[in-house]
Amino acid sequence: GVLGVSQAFLAAGARSVVASLWAVEDEITAKLMTAFHK
């Protein structure tokens, strides 16, 4: 797969990583991530 930041966090001990495939919009991303945590 992609060797870089996401894979490095998995190697450091994380069970999973949520990451984006493209440039995201700041305001809507804030709403999406708030909903994710809820």
PDB file of all heavy atoms in Angstrom:
ATOM      1  N   GLY A   1       0.828  -1.203   0.000  1.00  0.00           N
ATOM      2  CA  GLY A   1       0.000   0.000   0.000  1.00  0.00           C
ATOM      3  C   GLY A   1       0.858   1.247   0.000  1.00  0.00           C
ATOM      4  O   GLY A   1       1.956   1.263  -0.548  1.00  0.00           O
ATOM      5  N   VAL A   2       0.335   2.315   0.639  1.00  0.00           N
ATOM      6  CA  VAL A   2       1.066   3.575   0.695  1.00  0.00           C
ATOM      7  C   VAL A   2       1.955   3.585   1.936  1.00  0.00           C
ATOM      8  O   VAL A   2       1.454   3.538   3.067  1.00  0.00           O
ATOM      9  CB  VAL A   2       0.106   4.784   0.728  1.00  0.00           C
ATOM     10  CG1 VAL A   2       0.887   6.081   0.876  1.00  0.00           C
ATOM     11  CG2 VAL A   2      -0.721   4.827  -0.548  1.00  0.00           C
ATOM     12  N   LEU A   3       3.256   3.612   1.732  1.00  0.00           N
ATOM     13  CA  LEU A   3       4.190   3.715   2.849  1.00  0.00           C
ATOM     14  C   LEU A   3       4.376   5.192   3.157  1.00  0.00           C
ATOM     15  O   LEU A   3       4.880   5.952   2.343  1.00  0.00           O
ATOM     16  CB  LEU A   3       5.534   3.070   2.494  1.00  0.00           C
ATOM     17  CG  LEU A   3       5.515   1.555   2.299  1.00  0.00           C
ATOM     18  CD1 LEU A   3       6.937   1.056   2.058  1.00  0.00           C
ATOM     19  CD2 LEU A   3       4.914   0.848   3.498  1.00  0.00           C
ATOM     20  N   GLY A   4       3.957   5.609   4.321  1.00  0.00           N
ATOM     21  CA  GLY A   4       4.041   7.017   4.687  1.00  0.00           C
ATOM     22  C   GLY A   4       3.445   7.226   6.054  1.00  0.00           C
ATOM     23  O   GLY A   4       3.607   6.401   6.958  1.00  0.00           O
ATOM     24  N   VAL A   5       2.705   8.315   6.215  1.00  0.00           N
ATOM     25  CA  VAL A   5       2.228   8.726   7.527  1.00  0.00           C
ATOM     26  C   VAL A   5       1.217   7.740   8.117  1.00  0.00           C
ATOM     27  O   VAL A   5       1.349   7.314   9.269  1.00  0.00           O
ATOM     28  CB  VAL A   5       1.628  10.142   7.440  1.00  0.00           C
ATOM     29  CG1 VAL A   5       0.914  10.505   8.731  1.00  0.00           C
ATOM     30  CG2 VAL A   5       2.728  11.163   7.155  1.00  0.00           C
ATOM     31  N   SER A   6       0.187   7.352   7.362  1.00  0.00           N
ATOM     32  CA  SER A   6      -0.821   6.428   7.890  1.00  0.00           C
ATOM     33  C   SER A   6      -0.196   5.110   8.319  1.00  0.00           C
ATOM     34  O   SER A   6      -0.460   4.593   9.415  1.00  0.00           O
ATOM     35  CB  SER A   6      -1.907   6.159   6.847  1.00  0.00           C
ATOM     36  OG  SER A   6      -2.716   7.284   6.637  1.00  0.00           O
ATOM     37  N   GLN A   7       0.629   4.550   7.461  1.00  0.00           N
ATOM     38  CA  GLN A   7       1.255   3.272   7.769  1.00  0.00           C
ATOM     39  C   GLN A   7       2.191   3.392   8.959  1.00  0.00           C
ATOM     40  O   GLN A   7       2.312   2.468   9.769  1.00  0.00           O
ATOM     41  CB  GLN A   7       2.008   2.768   6.528  1.00  0.00           C
ATOM     42  CG  GLN A   7       2.385   1.302   6.563  1.00  0.00           C
ATOM     43  CD  GLN A   7       3.785   1.057   7.057  1.00  0.00           C
ATOM     44  OE1 GLN A   7       4.515   1.994   7.373  1.00  0.00           O
ATOM     45  NE2 GLN A   7       4.171  -0.208   7.134  1.00  0.00           N
ATOM     46  N   ALA A   8       2.825   4.553   9.109  1.00  0.00           N
ATOM     47  CA  ALA A   8       3.730   4.771  10.238  1.00  0.00           C
ATOM     48  C   ALA A   8       2.974   4.757  11.565  1.00  0.00           C
ATOM     49  O   ALA A   8       3.462   4.224  12.568  1.00  0.00           O
ATOM     50  CB  ALA A   8       4.475   6.086  10.066  1.00  0.00           C
ATOM     51  N   PHE A   9       1.766   5.338  11.598  1.00  0.00           N
ATOM     52  CA  PHE A   9       0.968   5.311  12.828  1.00  0.00           C
ATOM     53  C   PHE A   9       0.536   3.885  13.167  1.00  0.00           C
ATOM     54  O   PHE A   9       0.491   3.509  14.350  1.00  0.00           O
ATOM     55  CB  PHE A   9      -0.245   6.227  12.703  1.00  0.00           C
ATOM     56  CG  PHE A   9       0.042   7.658  13.040  1.00  0.00           C
ATOM     57  CD1 PHE A   9       0.022   8.632  12.052  1.00  0.00           C
ATOM     58  CD2 PHE A   9       0.335   8.052  14.335  1.00  0.00           C
ATOM     59  CE1 PHE A   9       0.295   9.961  12.350  1.00  0.00           C
ATOM     60  CE2 PHE A   9       0.609   9.369  14.652  1.00  0.00           C
ATOM     61  CZ  PHE A   9       0.588  10.331  13.657  1.00  0.00           C
ATOM     62  N   LEU A  10       0.208   3.083  12.173  1.00  0.00           N
ATOM     63  CA  LEU A  10      -0.119   1.684  12.427  1.00  0.00           C
ATOM     64  C   LEU A  10       1.093   0.946  12.976  1.00  0.00           C
ATOM     65  O   LEU A  10       0.986   0.145  13.913  1.00  0.00           O
ATOM     66  CB  LEU A  10      -0.621   1.018  11.146  1.00  0.00           C
ATOM     67  CG  LEU A  10      -1.952   1.527  10.596  1.00  0.00           C
ATOM     68  CD1 LEU A  10      -2.231   0.921   9.223  1.00  0.00           C
ATOM     69  CD2 LEU A  10      -3.096   1.222  11.545  1.00  0.00           C
ATOM     70  N   ALA A  11       2.255   1.224  12.418  1.00  0.00           N
ATOM     71  CA  ALA A  11       3.484   0.590  12.905  1.00  0.00           C
ATOM     72  C   ALA A  11       3.811   1.013  14.330  1.00  0.00           C
ATOM     73  O   ALA A  11       4.410   0.251  15.093  1.00  0.00           O
ATOM     74  CB  ALA A  11       4.646   0.937  11.976  1.00  0.00           C
ATOM     75  N   ALA A  12       3.381   2.232  14.720  1.00  0.00           N
ATOM     76  CA  ALA A  12       3.669   2.746  16.064  1.00  0.00           C
ATOM     77  C   ALA A  12       2.725   2.198  17.120  1.00  0.00           C
ATOM     78  O   ALA A  12       2.948   2.422  18.313  1.00  0.00           O
ATOM     79  CB  ALA A  12       3.594   4.271  16.058  1.00  0.00           C
ATOM     80  N   GLY A  13       1.676   1.488  16.706  1.00  0.00           N
ATOM     81  CA  GLY A  13       0.801   0.870  17.683  1.00  0.00           C
ATOM     82  C   GLY A  13      -0.674   1.152  17.543  1.00  0.00           C
ATOM     83  O   GLY A  13      -1.487   0.583  18.274  1.00  0.00           O
ATOM     84  N   ALA A  14      -1.078   2.043  16.628  1.00  0.00           N
ATOM     85  CA  ALA A  14      -2.505   2.327  16.439  1.00  0.00           C
ATOM     86  C   ALA A  14      -3.208   1.126  15.820  1.00  0.00           C
ATOM     87  O   ALA A  14      -2.638   0.434  14.970  1.00  0.00           O
ATOM     88  CB  ALA A  14      -2.686   3.544  15.547  1.00  0.00           C
ATOM     89  N   ARG A  15      -4.461   0.889  16.239  1.00  0.00           N
ATOM     90  CA  ARG A  15      -5.231  -0.203  15.648  1.00  0.00           C
ATOM     91  C   ARG A  15      -5.806   0.182  14.286  1.00  0.00           C
ATOM     92  O   ARG A  15      -5.997  -0.666  13.423  1.00  0.00           O
ATOM     93  CB  ARG A  15      -6.391  -0.582  16.576  1.00  0.00           C
ATOM     94  CG  ARG A  15      -5.974  -1.192  17.883  1.00  0.00           C
ATOM     95  CD  ARG A  15      -5.491  -2.614  17.742  1.00  0.00           C
ATOM     96  NE  ARG A  15      -6.518  -3.502  17.230  1.00  0.00           N
ATOM     97  CZ  ARG A  15      -6.297  -4.777  16.873  1.00  0.00           C
ATOM     98  NH1 ARG A  15      -5.079  -5.261  16.959  1.00  0.00           N
ATOM     99  NH2 ARG A  15      -7.270  -5.537  16.426  1.00  0.00           N
ATOM    100  N   SER A  16      -6.107   1.471  14.107  1.00  0.00           N
ATOM    101  CA  SER A  16      -6.654   1.939  12.835  1.00  0.00           C
ATOM    102  C   SER A  16      -6.335   3.413  12.651  1.00  0.00           C
ATOM    103  O   SER A  16      -6.004   4.116  13.613  1.00  0.00           O
ATOM    104  CB  SER A  16      -8.173   1.712  12.759  1.00  0.00           C
ATOM    105  OG  SER A  16      -8.835   2.411  13.796  1.00  0.00           O
ATOM    106  N   VAL A  17      -6.412   3.870  11.410  1.00  0.00           N
ATOM    107  CA  VAL A  17      -6.134   5.264  11.062  1.00  0.00           C
ATOM    108  C   VAL A  17      -7.223   5.751  10.116  1.00  0.00           C
ATOM    109  O   VAL A  17      -7.520   5.093   9.110  1.00  0.00           O
ATOM    110  CB  VAL A  17      -4.755   5.422  10.385  1.00  0.00           C
ATOM    111  CG1 VAL A  17      -4.533   6.866   9.945  1.00  0.00           C
ATOM    112  CG2 VAL A  17      -3.637   4.989  11.325  1.00  0.00           C
ATOM    113  N   VAL A  18      -7.819   6.900  10.443  1.00  0.00           N
ATOM    114  CA  VAL A  18      -8.754   7.576   9.548  1.00  0.00           C
ATOM    115  C   VAL A  18      -7.987   8.685   8.837  1.00  0.00           C
ATOM    116  O   VAL A  18      -7.355   9.520   9.489  1.00  0.00           O
ATOM    117  CB  VAL A  18      -9.948   8.171  10.319  1.00  0.00           C
ATOM    118  CG1 VAL A  18     -10.803   9.037   9.402  1.00  0.00           C
ATOM    119  CG2 VAL A  18     -10.786   7.059  10.930  1.00  0.00           C
ATOM    120  N   ALA A  19      -8.023   8.686   7.512  1.00  0.00           N
ATOM    121  CA  ALA A  19      -7.257   9.662   6.744  1.00  0.00           C
ATOM    122  C   ALA A  19      -8.017  10.015   5.469  1.00  0.00           C
ATOM    123  O   ALA A  19      -8.948   9.312   5.069  1.00  0.00           O
ATOM    124  CB  ALA A  19      -5.877   9.107   6.406  1.00  0.00           C
ATOM    125  N   SER A  20      -7.615  11.102   4.818  1.00  0.00           N
ATOM    126  CA  SER A  20      -8.346  11.607   3.649  1.00  0.00           C
ATOM    127  C   SER A  20      -7.612  11.307   2.348  1.00  0.00           C
ATOM    128  O   SER A  20      -6.385  11.340   2.295  1.00  0.00           O
ATOM    129  CB  SER A  20      -8.580  13.115   3.777  1.00  0.00           C
ATOM    130  OG  SER A  20      -7.375  13.821   3.613  1.00  0.00           O
ATOM    131  N   LEU A  21      -8.398  11.064   1.313  1.00  0.00           N
ATOM    132  CA  LEU A  21      -7.845  10.748  -0.004  1.00  0.00           C
ATOM    133  C   LEU A  21      -7.579  11.991  -0.840  1.00  0.00           C
ATOM    134  O   LEU A  21      -6.825  11.933  -1.808  1.00  0.00           O
ATOM    135  CB  LEU A  21      -8.810   9.839  -0.763  1.00  0.00           C
ATOM    136  CG  LEU A  21      -9.009   8.444  -0.173  1.00  0.00           C
ATOM    137  CD1 LEU A  21     -10.180   7.748  -0.850  1.00  0.00           C
ATOM    138  CD2 LEU A  21      -7.745   7.619  -0.315  1.00  0.00           C
ATOM    139  N   TRP A  22      -8.231  13.102  -0.491  1.00  0.00           N
ATOM    140  CA  TRP A  22      -8.016  14.327  -1.270  1.00  0.00           C
ATOM    141  C   TRP A  22      -8.090  15.553  -0.363  1.00  0.00           C
ATOM    142  O   TRP A  22      -8.334  15.430   0.837  1.00  0.00           O
ATOM    143  CB  TRP A  22      -9.012  14.443  -2.421  1.00  0.00           C
ATOM    144  CG  TRP A  22     -10.471  14.392  -2.070  1.00  0.00           C
ATOM    145  CD1 TRP A  22     -11.222  15.392  -1.521  1.00  0.00           C
ATOM    146  CD2 TRP A  22     -11.374  13.292  -2.268  1.00  0.00           C
ATOM    147  NE1 TRP A  22     -12.532  14.996  -1.358  1.00  0.00           N
ATOM    148  CE2 TRP A  22     -12.649  13.706  -1.811  1.00  0.00           C
ATOM    149  CE3 TRP A  22     -11.223  12.005  -2.791  1.00  0.00           C
ATOM    150  CZ2 TRP A  22     -13.772  12.876  -1.869  1.00  0.00           C
ATOM    151  CZ3 TRP A  22     -12.339  11.176  -2.837  1.00  0.00           C
ATOM    152  CH2 TRP A  22     -13.587  11.617  -2.388  1.00  0.00           C
ATOM    153  N   ALA A  23      -7.867  16.722  -0.959  1.00  0.00           N
ATOM    154  CA  ALA A  23      -7.928  17.986  -0.213  1.00  0.00           C
ATOM    155  C   ALA A  23      -9.365  18.224   0.238  1.00  0.00           C
ATOM    156  O   ALA A  23     -10.289  18.222  -0.581  1.00  0.00           O
ATOM    157  CB  ALA A  23      -7.433  19.137  -1.080  1.00  0.00           C
ATOM    158  N   VAL A  24      -9.564  18.402   1.539  1.00  0.00           N
ATOM    159  CA  VAL A  24     -10.912  18.513   2.097  1.00  0.00           C
ATOM    160  C   VAL A  24     -11.240  19.946   2.479  1.00  0.00           C
ATOM    161  O   VAL A  24     -10.352  20.779   2.659  1.00  0.00           O
ATOM    162  CB  VAL A  24     -11.065  17.586   3.326  1.00  0.00           C
ATOM    163  CG1 VAL A  24     -11.005  16.136   2.898  1.00  0.00           C
ATOM    164  CG2 VAL A  24     -10.002  17.885   4.371  1.00  0.00           C
ATOM    165  N   GLU A  25     -12.539  20.218   2.598  1.00  0.00           N
ATOM    166  CA  GLU A  25     -13.026  21.552   2.949  1.00  0.00           C
ATOM    167  C   GLU A  25     -13.061  21.687   4.468  1.00  0.00           C
ATOM    168  O   GLU A  25     -13.627  20.852   5.171  1.00  0.00           O
ATOM    169  CB  GLU A  25     -14.426  21.733   2.347  1.00  0.00           C
ATOM    170  CG  GLU A  25     -14.843  23.180   2.150  1.00  0.00           C
ATOM    171  CD  GLU A  25     -15.421  23.770   3.429  1.00  0.00           C
ATOM    172  OE1 GLU A  25     -15.949  23.006   4.250  1.00  0.00           O
ATOM    173  OE2 GLU A  25     -15.334  25.001   3.596  1.00  0.00           O
ATOM    174  N   ASP A  26     -12.461  22.752   4.969  1.00  0.00           N
ATOM    175  CA  ASP A  26     -12.210  22.926   6.402  1.00  0.00           C
ATOM    176  C   ASP A  26     -13.495  22.913   7.235  1.00  0.00           C
ATOM    177  O   ASP A  26     -13.616  22.178   8.218  1.00  0.00           O
ATOM    178  CB  ASP A  26     -11.439  24.243   6.605  1.00  0.00           C
ATOM    179  CG  ASP A  26     -10.858  24.384   7.988  1.00  0.00           C
ATOM    180  OD1 ASP A  26     -10.675  23.365   8.670  1.00  0.00           O
ATOM    181  OD2 ASP A  26     -10.575  25.531   8.400  1.00  0.00           O
ATOM    182  N   GLU A  27     -14.494  23.706   6.857  1.00  0.00           N
ATOM    183  CA  GLU A  27     -15.697  23.854   7.668  1.00  0.00           C
ATOM    184  C   GLU A  27     -16.513  22.565   7.715  1.00  0.00           C
ATOM    185  O   GLU A  27     -16.961  22.144   8.798  1.00  0.00           O
ATOM    186  CB  GLU A  27     -16.557  24.998   7.124  1.00  0.00           C
ATOM    187  CG  GLU A  27     -17.812  25.248   7.940  1.00  0.00           C
ATOM    188  CD  GLU A  27     -18.629  26.416   7.430  1.00  0.00           C
ATOM    189  OE1 GLU A  27     -18.271  26.980   6.365  1.00  0.00           O
ATOM    190  OE2 GLU A  27     -19.634  26.760   8.083  1.00  0.00           O
ATOM    191  N   ILE A  28     -16.730  21.938   6.566  1.00  0.00           N
ATOM    192  CA  ILE A  28     -17.547  20.726   6.530  1.00  0.00           C
ATOM    193  C   ILE A  28     -16.824  19.565   7.195  1.00  0.00           C
ATOM    194  O   ILE A  28     -17.436  18.715   7.857  1.00  0.00           O
ATOM    195  CB  ILE A  28     -17.939  20.370   5.087  1.00  0.00           C
ATOM    196  CG1 ILE A  28     -18.641  21.553   4.417  1.00  0.00           C
ATOM    197  CG2 ILE A  28     -18.836  19.141   5.056  1.00  0.00           C
ATOM    198  CD1 ILE A  28     -19.825  22.102   5.187  1.00  0.00           C
ATOM    199  N   THR A  29     -15.516  19.530   7.057  1.00  0.00           N
ATOM    200  CA  THR A  29     -14.741  18.488   7.736  1.00  0.00           C
ATOM    201  C   THR A  29     -14.899  18.590   9.248  1.00  0.00           C
ATOM    202  O   THR A  29     -14.979  17.570   9.947  1.00  0.00           O
ATOM    203  CB  THR A  29     -13.257  18.585   7.345  1.00  0.00           C
ATOM    204  OG1 THR A  29     -13.129  18.323   5.938  1.00  0.00           O
ATOM    205  CG2 THR A  29     -12.414  17.574   8.104  1.00  0.00           C
ATOM    206  N   ALA A  30     -14.961  19.812   9.766  1.00  0.00           N
ATOM    207  CA  ALA A  30     -15.171  19.993  11.204  1.00  0.00           C
ATOM    208  C   ALA A  30     -16.500  19.373  11.632  1.00  0.00           C
ATOM    209  O   ALA A  30     -16.590  18.722  12.681  1.00  0.00           O
ATOM    210  CB  ALA A  30     -15.134  21.476  11.561  1.00  0.00           C
ATOM    211  N   LYS A  31     -17.538  19.547  10.829  1.00  0.00           N
ATOM    212  CA  LYS A  31     -18.849  18.969  11.158  1.00  0.00           C
ATOM    213  C   LYS A  31     -18.813  17.446  11.062  1.00  0.00           C
ATOM    214  O   LYS A  31     -19.372  16.747  11.914  1.00  0.00           O
ATOM    215  CB  LYS A  31     -19.909  19.541  10.212  1.00  0.00           C
ATOM    216  CG  LYS A  31     -20.147  21.035  10.388  1.00  0.00           C
ATOM    217  CD  LYS A  31     -21.174  21.562   9.400  1.00  0.00           C
ATOM    218  CE  LYS A  31     -21.393  23.058   9.596  1.00  0.00           C
ATOM    219  NZ  LYS A  31     -22.365  23.614   8.626  1.00  0.00           N
ATOM    220  N   LEU A  32     -18.165  16.933  10.028  1.00  0.00           N
ATOM    221  CA  LEU A  32     -18.085  15.486   9.860  1.00  0.00           C
ATOM    222  C   LEU A  32     -17.331  14.846  11.019  1.00  0.00           C
ATOM    223  O   LEU A  32     -17.755  13.817  11.560  1.00  0.00           O
ATOM    224  CB  LEU A  32     -17.410  15.168   8.522  1.00  0.00           C
ATOM    225  CG  LEU A  32     -17.352  13.688   8.131  1.00  0.00           C
ATOM    226  CD1 LEU A  32     -17.499  13.524   6.627  1.00  0.00           C
ATOM    227  CD2 LEU A  32     -16.052  13.029   8.577  1.00  0.00           C
ATOM    228  N   MET A  33     -16.216  15.455  11.420  1.00  0.00           N
ATOM    229  CA  MET A  33     -15.418  14.873  12.494  1.00  0.00           C
ATOM    230  C   MET A  33     -16.094  14.996  13.854  1.00  0.00           C
ATOM    231  O   MET A  33     -15.958  14.112  14.708  1.00  0.00           O
ATOM    232  CB  MET A  33     -14.032  15.524  12.525  1.00  0.00           C
ATOM    233  CG  MET A  33     -13.143  15.070  11.397  1.00  0.00           C
ATOM    234  SD  MET A  33     -12.886  13.279  11.490  1.00  0.00           S
ATOM    235  CE  MET A  33     -12.139  12.962   9.896  1.00  0.00           C
ATOM    236  N   THR A  34     -16.841  16.065  14.073  1.00  0.00           N
ATOM    237  CA  THR A  34     -17.613  16.173  15.310  1.00  0.00           C
ATOM    238  C   THR A  34     -18.643  15.048  15.379  1.00  0.00           C
ATOM    239  O   THR A  34     -18.814  14.396  16.428  1.00  0.00           O
ATOM    240  CB  THR A  34     -18.315  17.538  15.387  1.00  0.00           C
ATOM    241  OG1 THR A  34     -17.332  18.571  15.433  1.00  0.00           O
ATOM    242  CG2 THR A  34     -19.181  17.634  16.625  1.00  0.00           C
ATOM    243  N   ALA A  35     -19.312  14.788  14.257  1.00  0.00           N
ATOM    244  CA  ALA A  35     -20.284  13.691  14.197  1.00  0.00           C
ATOM    245  C   ALA A  35     -19.602  12.345  14.401  1.00  0.00           C
ATOM    246  O   ALA A  35     -20.143  11.454  15.073  1.00  0.00           O
ATOM    247  CB  ALA A  35     -21.022  13.719  12.858  1.00  0.00           C
ATOM    248  N   PHE A  36     -18.426  12.172  13.848  1.00  0.00           N
ATOM    249  CA  PHE A  36     -17.677  10.924  14.011  1.00  0.00           C
ATOM    250  C   PHE A  36     -17.409  10.645  15.492  1.00  0.00           C
ATOM    251  O   PHE A  36     -17.651   9.535  15.987  1.00  0.00           O
ATOM    252  CB  PHE A  36     -16.360  11.012  13.236  1.00  0.00           C
ATOM    253  CG  PHE A  36     -15.381   9.909  13.540  1.00  0.00           C
ATOM    254  CD1 PHE A  36     -15.601   8.626  13.066  1.00  0.00           C
ATOM    255  CD2 PHE A  36     -14.247  10.157  14.294  1.00  0.00           C
ATOM    256  CE1 PHE A  36     -14.697   7.595  13.342  1.00  0.00           C
ATOM    257  CE2 PHE A  36     -13.341   9.137  14.574  1.00  0.00           C
ATOM    258  CZ  PHE A  36     -13.568   7.860  14.094  1.00  0.00           C
ATOM    259  N   HIS A  37     -16.944  11.647  16.219  1.00  0.00           N
ATOM    260  CA  HIS A  37     -16.647  11.442  17.634  1.00  0.00           C
ATOM    261  C   HIS A  37     -17.914  11.207  18.447  1.00  0.00           C
ATOM    262  O   HIS A  37     -17.910  10.386  19.381  1.00  0.00           O
ATOM    263  CB  HIS A  37     -15.866  12.638  18.183  1.00  0.00           C
ATOM    264  CG  HIS A  37     -14.417  12.614  17.816  1.00  0.00           C
ATOM    265  ND1 HIS A  37     -13.480  11.920  18.555  1.00  0.00           N
ATOM    266  CD2 HIS A  37     -13.730  13.188  16.793  1.00  0.00           C
ATOM    267  CE1 HIS A  37     -12.287  12.067  18.008  1.00  0.00           C
ATOM    268  NE2 HIS A  37     -12.412  12.831  16.931  1.00  0.00           N
ATOM    269  N   LYS A  38     -18.996  11.898  18.120  1.00  0.00           N
ATOM    270  CA  LYS A  38     -20.259  11.668  18.820  1.00  0.00           C
ATOM    271  C   LYS A  38     -20.730  10.234  18.629  1.00  0.00           C
ATOM    272  O   LYS A  38     -21.164   9.569  19.580  1.00  0.00           O
ATOM    273  CB  LYS A  38     -21.331  12.637  18.312  1.00  0.00           C
ATOM    274  CG  LYS A  38     -21.166  14.068  18.792  1.00  0.00           C
ATOM    275  CD  LYS A  38     -22.278  14.950  18.240  1.00  0.00           C
ATOM    276  CE  LYS A  38     -22.145  16.395  18.728  1.00  0.00           C
ATOM    277  NZ  LYS A  38     -23.188  17.273  18.142  1.00  0.00           N
TER     278      LYS A  38
END
